PDB file of N, CA and C in Angstrom:
ATOM      1  N   MET A   1      77.003  72.831 108.110  1.00  0.00           N
ATOM      2  CA  MET A   1      77.258  74.175 108.207  1.00  0.00           C
ATOM      3  C   MET A   1      78.059  74.255 107.730  1.00  0.00           C
ATOM      4  N   SER A   2      77.746  75.786 106.681  1.00  0.00           N
ATOM      5  CA  SER A   2      78.928  76.678 106.015  1.00  0.00           C
ATOM      6  C   SER A   2      80.551  76.950 107.168  1.00  0.00           C
ATOM      7  N   LEU A   3      81.222  77.631 106.092  1.00  0.00           N
ATOM      8  CA  LEU A   3      81.936  78.383 107.247  1.00  0.00           C
ATOM      9  C   LEU A   3      81.499  79.589 107.134  1.00  0.00           C
ATOM     10  N   LYS A   4      80.993  80.323 106.936  1.00  0.00           N
ATOM     11  CA  LYS A   4      80.394  81.308 107.155  1.00  0.00           C
ATOM     12  C   LYS A   4      79.357  81.443 108.127  1.00  0.00           C
ATOM     13  N   GLY A   5      78.137  80.462 107.906  1.00  0.00           N
ATOM     14  CA  GLY A   5      77.194  80.210 109.450  1.00  0.00           C
ATOM     15  C   GLY A   5      78.368  79.887 111.375  1.00  0.00           C
ATOM     16  N   PHE A   6      78.688  78.871 110.266  1.00  0.00           N
ATOM     17  CA  PHE A   6      80.030  78.783 111.410  1.00  0.00           C
ATOM     18  C   PHE A   6      80.557  80.084 112.033  1.00  0.00           C
ATOM     19  N   HIS A   7      81.054  80.729 111.367  1.00  0.00           N
ATOM     20  CA  HIS A   7      82.235  82.047 111.555  1.00  0.00           C
ATOM     21  C   HIS A   7      80.890  82.814 112.428  1.00  0.00           C
ATOM     22  N   LEU A   8      79.155  83.017 112.051  1.00  0.00           N
ATOM     23  CA  LEU A   8      78.514  84.219 112.381  1.00  0.00           C
ATOM     24  C   LEU A   8      78.856  83.112 114.207  1.00  0.00           C
ATOM     25  N   PHE A   9      78.402  81.981 113.933  1.00  0.00           N
ATOM     26  CA  PHE A   9      77.940  81.169 115.183  1.00  0.00           C
ATOM     27  C   PHE A   9      78.555  81.636 116.233  1.00  0.00           C
ATOM     28  N   PHE A  10      80.345  81.471 115.820  1.00  0.00           N
ATOM     29  CA  PHE A  10      81.008  81.905 116.930  1.00  0.00           C
ATOM     30  C   PHE A  10      81.146  83.181 117.409  1.00  0.00           C
ATOM     31  N   ILE A  11      81.132  84.092 116.499  1.00  0.00           N
ATOM     32  CA  ILE A  11      80.718  85.171 116.525  1.00  0.00           C
ATOM     33  C   ILE A  11      80.002  85.228 118.005  1.00  0.00           C
ATOM     34  N   ALA A  12      78.357  85.250 117.715  1.00  0.00           N
ATOM     35  CA  ALA A  12      77.634  85.368 118.405  1.00  0.00           C
ATOM     36  C   ALA A  12      77.913  84.743 119.701  1.00  0.00           C
ATOM     37  N   VAL A  13      78.587  83.262 120.103  1.00  0.00           N
ATOM     38  CA  VAL A  13      78.783  82.710 121.299  1.00  0.00           C
ATOM     39  C   VAL A  13      79.604  83.523 121.821  1.00  0.00           C
ATOM     40  N   ALA A  14      80.588  84.339 121.150  1.00  0.00           N
ATOM     41  CA  ALA A  14      82.151  84.890 122.128  1.00  0.00           C
ATOM     42  C   ALA A  14      81.659  86.480 122.213  1.00  0.00           C
ATOM     43  N   ALA A  15      80.703  86.925 121.837  1.00  0.00           N
ATOM     44  CA  ALA A  15      79.773  88.204 122.250  1.00  0.00           C
ATOM     45  C   ALA A  15      78.822  87.650 122.957  1.00  0.00           C
ATOM     46  N   LEU A  16      78.331  86.490 123.226  1.00  0.00           N
ATOM     47  CA  LEU A  16      77.626  86.330 124.694  1.00  0.00           C
ATOM     48  C   LEU A  16      78.185  85.597 125.694  1.00  0.00           C
ATOM     49  N   PHE A  17      79.183  85.344 125.850  1.00  0.00           N
ATOM     50  CA  PHE A  17      80.339  84.753 126.566  1.00  0.00           C
ATOM     51  C   PHE A  17      80.838  86.363 127.452  1.00  0.00           C
ATOM     52  N   SER A  18      81.375  86.969 126.107  1.00  0.00           N
ATOM     53  CA  SER A  18      82.378  87.862 126.992  1.00  0.00           C
ATOM     54  C   SER A  18      81.293  88.743 127.816  1.00  0.00           C
ATOM     55  N   ALA A  19      79.559  89.229 127.290  1.00  0.00           N
ATOM     56  CA  ALA A  19      78.906  90.333 127.618  1.00  0.00           C
ATOM     57  C   ALA A  19      78.602  89.456 128.989  1.00  0.00           C
ATOM     58  N   ALA A  20      78.143  88.238 129.019  1.00  0.00           N
ATOM     59  CA  ALA A  20      78.666  87.579 130.454  1.00  0.00           C
ATOM     60  C   ALA A  20      79.167  87.685 131.504  1.00  0.00           C
ATOM     61  N   PHE A  21      80.286  87.848 131.410  1.00  0.00           N
ATOM     62  CA  PHE A  21      81.014  87.546 131.790  1.00  0.00           C
ATOM     63  C   PHE A  21      81.607  88.966 132.117  1.00  0.00           C
ATOM     64  N   GLY A  22      81.323  89.782 131.690  1.00  0.00           N
ATOM     65  CA  GLY A  22      81.223  91.467 132.301  1.00  0.00           C
ATOM     66  C   GLY A  22      80.435  91.965 132.805  1.00  0.00           C
ATOM     67  N   ILE A  23      79.475  91.570 132.501  1.00  0.00           N
ATOM     68  CA  ILE A  23      78.048  91.476 133.703  1.00  0.00           C
ATOM     69  C   ILE A  23      78.184  91.196 135.085  1.00  0.00           C
ATOM     70  N   TRP A  24      79.140  90.124 135.147  1.00  0.00           N
ATOM     71  CA  TRP A  24      79.307  88.948 136.261  1.00  0.00           C
ATOM     72  C   TRP A  24      80.487  90.032 137.049  1.00  0.00           C
ATOM     73  N   ALA A  25      81.374  90.394 136.410  1.00  0.00           N
ATOM     74  CA  ALA A  25      82.412  90.729 137.090  1.00  0.00           C
ATOM     75  C   ALA A  25      81.959  92.487 137.398  1.00  0.00           C
ATOM     76  N   ILE A  26      80.896  93.137 136.720  1.00  0.00           N
ATOM     77  CA  ILE A  26      80.610  94.730 137.425  1.00  0.00           C
ATOM     78  C   ILE A  26      80.023  94.395 138.457  1.00  0.00           C
ATOM     79  N   ILE A  27      79.164  93.053 138.356  1.00  0.00           N
ATOM     80  CA  ILE A  27      77.898  92.953 140.165  1.00  0.00           C
ATOM     81  C   ILE A  27      78.710  92.738 140.702  1.00  0.00           C
ATOM     82  N   ILE A  28      79.551  91.224 140.710  1.00  0.00           N
ATOM     83  CA  ILE A  28      80.444  91.047 141.407  1.00  0.00           C
ATOM     84  C   ILE A  28      80.227  91.982 143.018  1.00  0.00           C
ATOM     85  N   GLU A  29      80.614  91.512 143.919  1.00  0.00           N
ATOM     86  CA  GLU A  29      80.491  92.745 145.088  1.00  0.00           C
ATOM     87  C   GLU A  29      82.374  92.954 145.330  1.00  0.00           C
ATOM     88  N   ASP A  30      82.023  93.730 145.729  1.00  0.00           N
ATOM     89  CA  ASP A  30      83.649  95.017 145.961  1.00  0.00           C
ATOM     90  C   ASP A  30      84.506  94.779 146.498  1.00  0.00           C
ATOM     91  N   GLY A  31      83.804  93.853 147.872  1.00  0.00           N
ATOM     92  CA  GLY A  31      85.008  93.768 148.632  1.00  0.00           C
ATOM     93  C   GLY A  31      85.258  92.551 148.598  1.00  0.00           C
ATOM     94  N   ALA A  32      85.054  91.642 147.535  1.00  0.00           N
ATOM     95  CA  ALA A  32      85.621  90.252 147.576  1.00  0.00           C
ATOM     96  C   ALA A  32      86.985  90.672 146.007  1.00  0.00           C
ATOM     97  N   SER A  33      86.275  91.483 145.647  1.00  0.00           N
ATOM     98  CA  SER A  33      87.254  91.554 144.335  1.00  0.00           C
ATOM     99  C   SER A  33      87.482  93.454 144.492  1.00  0.00           C
ATOM    100  N   GLY A  34      88.883  93.637 143.650  1.00  0.00           N
ATOM    101  CA  GLY A  34      89.582  94.965 143.760  1.00  0.00           C
ATOM    102  C   GLY A  34      88.683  95.485 142.410  1.00  0.00           C
ATOM    103  N   LYS A  35      89.273  96.626 142.231  1.00  0.00           N
ATOM    104  CA  LYS A  35      88.864  97.516 141.245  1.00  0.00           C
ATOM    105  C   LYS A  35      89.189  96.353 139.489  1.00  0.00           C
ATOM    106  N   GLU A  36      90.723  96.005 139.862  1.00  0.00           N
ATOM    107  CA  GLU A  36      90.689  95.181 139.041  1.00  0.00           C
ATOM    108  C   GLU A  36      89.215  94.834 137.850  1.00  0.00           C
ATOM    109  N   VAL A  37      89.152  93.781 138.794  1.00  0.00           N
ATOM    110  CA  VAL A  37      88.002  93.441 138.207  1.00  0.00           C
ATOM    111  C   VAL A  37      87.115  93.477 137.672  1.00  0.00           C
ATOM    112  N   THR A  38      86.557  94.945 138.041  1.00  0.00           N
ATOM    113  CA  THR A  38      85.463  95.668 137.278  1.00  0.00           C
ATOM    114  C   THR A  38      85.974  96.367 135.880  1.00  0.00           C
ATOM    115  N   VAL A  39      87.388  96.564 136.030  1.00  0.00           N
ATOM    116  CA  VAL A  39      87.896  97.006 135.192  1.00  0.00           C
ATOM    117  C   VAL A  39      88.107  96.252 133.933  1.00  0.00           C
ATOM    118  N   ILE A  40      88.445  94.749 134.596  1.00  0.00           N
ATOM    119  CA  ILE A  40      88.143  93.885 133.360  1.00  0.00           C
ATOM    120  C   ILE A  40      87.015  93.334 132.989  1.00  0.00           C
ATOM    121  N   GLY A  41      85.814  93.841 134.025  1.00  0.00           N
ATOM    122  CA  GLY A  41      84.223  93.500 133.190  1.00  0.00           C
ATOM    123  C   GLY A  41      84.068  94.719 132.238  1.00  0.00           C
ATOM    124  N   TYR A  42      84.130  95.735 132.278  1.00  0.00           N
ATOM    125  CA  TYR A  42      83.925  96.914 131.468  1.00  0.00           C
ATOM    126  C   TYR A  42      84.864  96.571 130.162  1.00  0.00           C
ATOM    127  N   ILE A  43      86.315  96.117 130.560  1.00  0.00           N
ATOM    128  CA  ILE A  43      86.557  95.816 128.681  1.00  0.00           C
ATOM    129  C   ILE A  43      85.852  94.471 128.416  1.00  0.00           C
ATOM    130  N   ALA A  44      85.313  93.879 129.395  1.00  0.00           N
ATOM    131  CA  ALA A  44      84.824  92.542 128.471  1.00  0.00           C
ATOM    132  C   ALA A  44      83.361  92.733 127.782  1.00  0.00           C
ATOM    133  N   LEU A  45      82.713  94.023 128.323  1.00  0.00           N
ATOM    134  CA  LEU A  45      81.889  94.204 128.147  1.00  0.00           C
ATOM    135  C   LEU A  45      82.133  95.521 126.242  1.00  0.00           C
ATOM    136  N   THR A  46      83.234  95.561 126.433  1.00  0.00           N
ATOM    137  CA  THR A  46      83.648  96.579 125.260  1.00  0.00           C
ATOM    138  C   THR A  46      83.611  95.784 123.965  1.00  0.00           C
ATOM    139  N   ALA A  47      84.255  94.690 124.494  1.00  0.00           N
ATOM    140  CA  ALA A  47      84.579  93.233 124.020  1.00  0.00           C
ATOM    141  C   ALA A  47      83.332  92.808 123.433  1.00  0.00           C
ATOM    142  N   SER A  48      82.456  93.101 123.677  1.00  0.00           N
ATOM    143  CA  SER A  48      81.297  91.935 123.534  1.00  0.00           C
ATOM    144  C   SER A  48      80.885  93.350 122.328  1.00  0.00           C
ATOM    145  N   VAL A  49      80.775  94.294 122.425  1.00  0.00           N
ATOM    146  CA  VAL A  49      80.563  95.426 122.110  1.00  0.00           C
ATOM    147  C   VAL A  49      80.956  95.342 120.581  1.00  0.00           C
ATOM    148  N   ALA A  50      82.342  95.528 120.307  1.00  0.00           N
ATOM    149  CA  ALA A  50      83.056  95.134 119.275  1.00  0.00           C
ATOM    150  C   ALA A  50      82.838  93.778 118.139  1.00  0.00           C
ATOM    151  N   LEU A  51      82.405  93.100 119.302  1.00  0.00           N
ATOM    152  CA  LEU A  51      82.070  91.525 118.150  1.00  0.00           C
ATOM    153  C   LEU A  51      81.244  91.246 117.452  1.00  0.00           C
ATOM    154  N   ALA A  52      79.937  92.487 118.306  1.00  0.00           N
ATOM    155  CA  ALA A  52      78.806  92.294 117.623  1.00  0.00           C
ATOM    156  C   ALA A  52      78.451  93.588 116.507  1.00  0.00           C
ATOM    157  N   ALA A  53      79.539  94.643 116.472  1.00  0.00           N
ATOM    158  CA  ALA A  53      80.238  95.085 115.395  1.00  0.00           C
ATOM    159  C   ALA A  53      80.727  94.332 114.142  1.00  0.00           C
ATOM    160  N   TYR A  54      81.646  93.656 115.083  1.00  0.00           N
ATOM    161  CA  TYR A  54      82.290  93.225 113.591  1.00  0.00           C
ATOM    162  C   TYR A  54      81.401  91.968 112.622  1.00  0.00           C
ATOM    163  N   ALA A  55      80.127  91.164 113.839  1.00  0.00           N
ATOM    164  CA  ALA A  55      79.312  90.600 112.846  1.00  0.00           C
ATOM    165  C   ALA A  55      78.529  91.310 112.138  1.00  0.00           C
ATOM    166  N   VAL A  56      77.806  92.746 112.099  1.00  0.00           N
ATOM    167  CA  VAL A  56      77.643  93.154 111.498  1.00  0.00           C
ATOM    168  C   VAL A  56      78.370  93.714 110.034  1.00  0.00           C
ATOM    169  N   TYR A  57      79.833  94.273 110.412  1.00  0.00           N
ATOM    170  CA  TYR A  57      80.524  94.104 109.502  1.00  0.00           C
ATOM    171  C   TYR A  57      80.534  92.645 108.235  1.00  0.00           C
ATOM    172  N   PHE A  58      80.943  91.513 108.932  1.00  0.00           N
ATOM    173  CA  PHE A  58      81.143  90.624 108.871  1.00  0.00           C
ATOM    174  C   PHE A  58      80.196  89.869 107.492  1.00  0.00           C
ATOM    175  N   CYS A  59      78.923  90.156 107.839  1.00  0.00           N
ATOM    176  CA  CYS A  59      77.590  89.806 107.023  1.00  0.00           C
ATOM    177  C   CYS A  59      77.597  90.972 106.597  1.00  0.00           C
ATOM    178  N   ARG A  60      77.780  92.298 106.380  1.00  0.00           N
ATOM    179  CA  ARG A  60      77.657  92.978 105.270  1.00  0.00           C
ATOM    180  C   ARG A  60      78.365  93.039 104.129  1.00  0.00           C
ATOM    181  N   LYS A  61      79.894  92.369 104.294  1.00  0.00           N
ATOM    182  CA  LYS A  61      80.888  92.059 103.507  1.00  0.00           C
ATOM    183  C   LYS A  61      80.572  91.049 102.842  1.00  0.00           C
ATOM    184  N   SER A  62      80.524  89.720 103.588  1.00  0.00           N
ATOM    185  CA  SER A  62      80.185  88.475 102.909  1.00  0.00           C
ATOM    186  C   SER A  62      78.698  87.921 102.722  1.00  0.00           C
ATOM    187  N   LYS A  63      77.998  89.314 101.757  1.00  0.00           N
ATOM    188  CA  LYS A  63      76.677  89.164 101.444  1.00  0.00           C
ATOM    189  C   LYS A  63      76.563  88.236 100.359  1.00  0.00           C
ATOM    190  N   ASN A  64      77.430  88.252  99.289  1.00  0.00           N
ATOM    191  CA  ASN A  64      77.293  87.062  98.295  1.00  0.00           C
ATOM    192  C   ASN A  64      77.631  85.708  98.884  1.00  0.00           C
ATOM    193  N   ILE A  65      78.240  85.290 100.272  1.00  0.00           N
ATOM    194  CA  ILE A  65      78.506  84.340 100.284  1.00  0.00           C
ATOM    195  C   ILE A  65      77.090  83.291 100.863  1.00  0.00           C
ATOM    196  N   SER A  66      76.402  82.500 100.645  1.00  0.00           N
ATOM    197  CA  SER A  66      75.343  81.491 100.862  1.00  0.00           C
ATOM    198  C   SER A  66      75.821  80.893 102.004  1.00  0.00           C
ATOM    199  N   LEU A  67      74.843  81.156 103.104  1.00  0.00           N
ATOM    200  CA  LEU A  67      75.250  80.276 104.504  1.00  0.00           C
ATOM    201  C   LEU A  67      74.910  78.885 104.117  1.00  0.00           C
TER     202      LEU A  67
END
């Protein structure tokens, strides 16, 4: 696997884990946690979207590099 392929794989895994954590933090019961956990969940979802946008940017920028 090339460095470009590994980079794209790592970004995808990071985005998926971030999204999963964000969804979990938002769904968790409010009685078990405070509002801080919900805020962290929204931050994680925002980070997941940012990672997906970065993956698109990286693909466009490294168009000439083969996988």
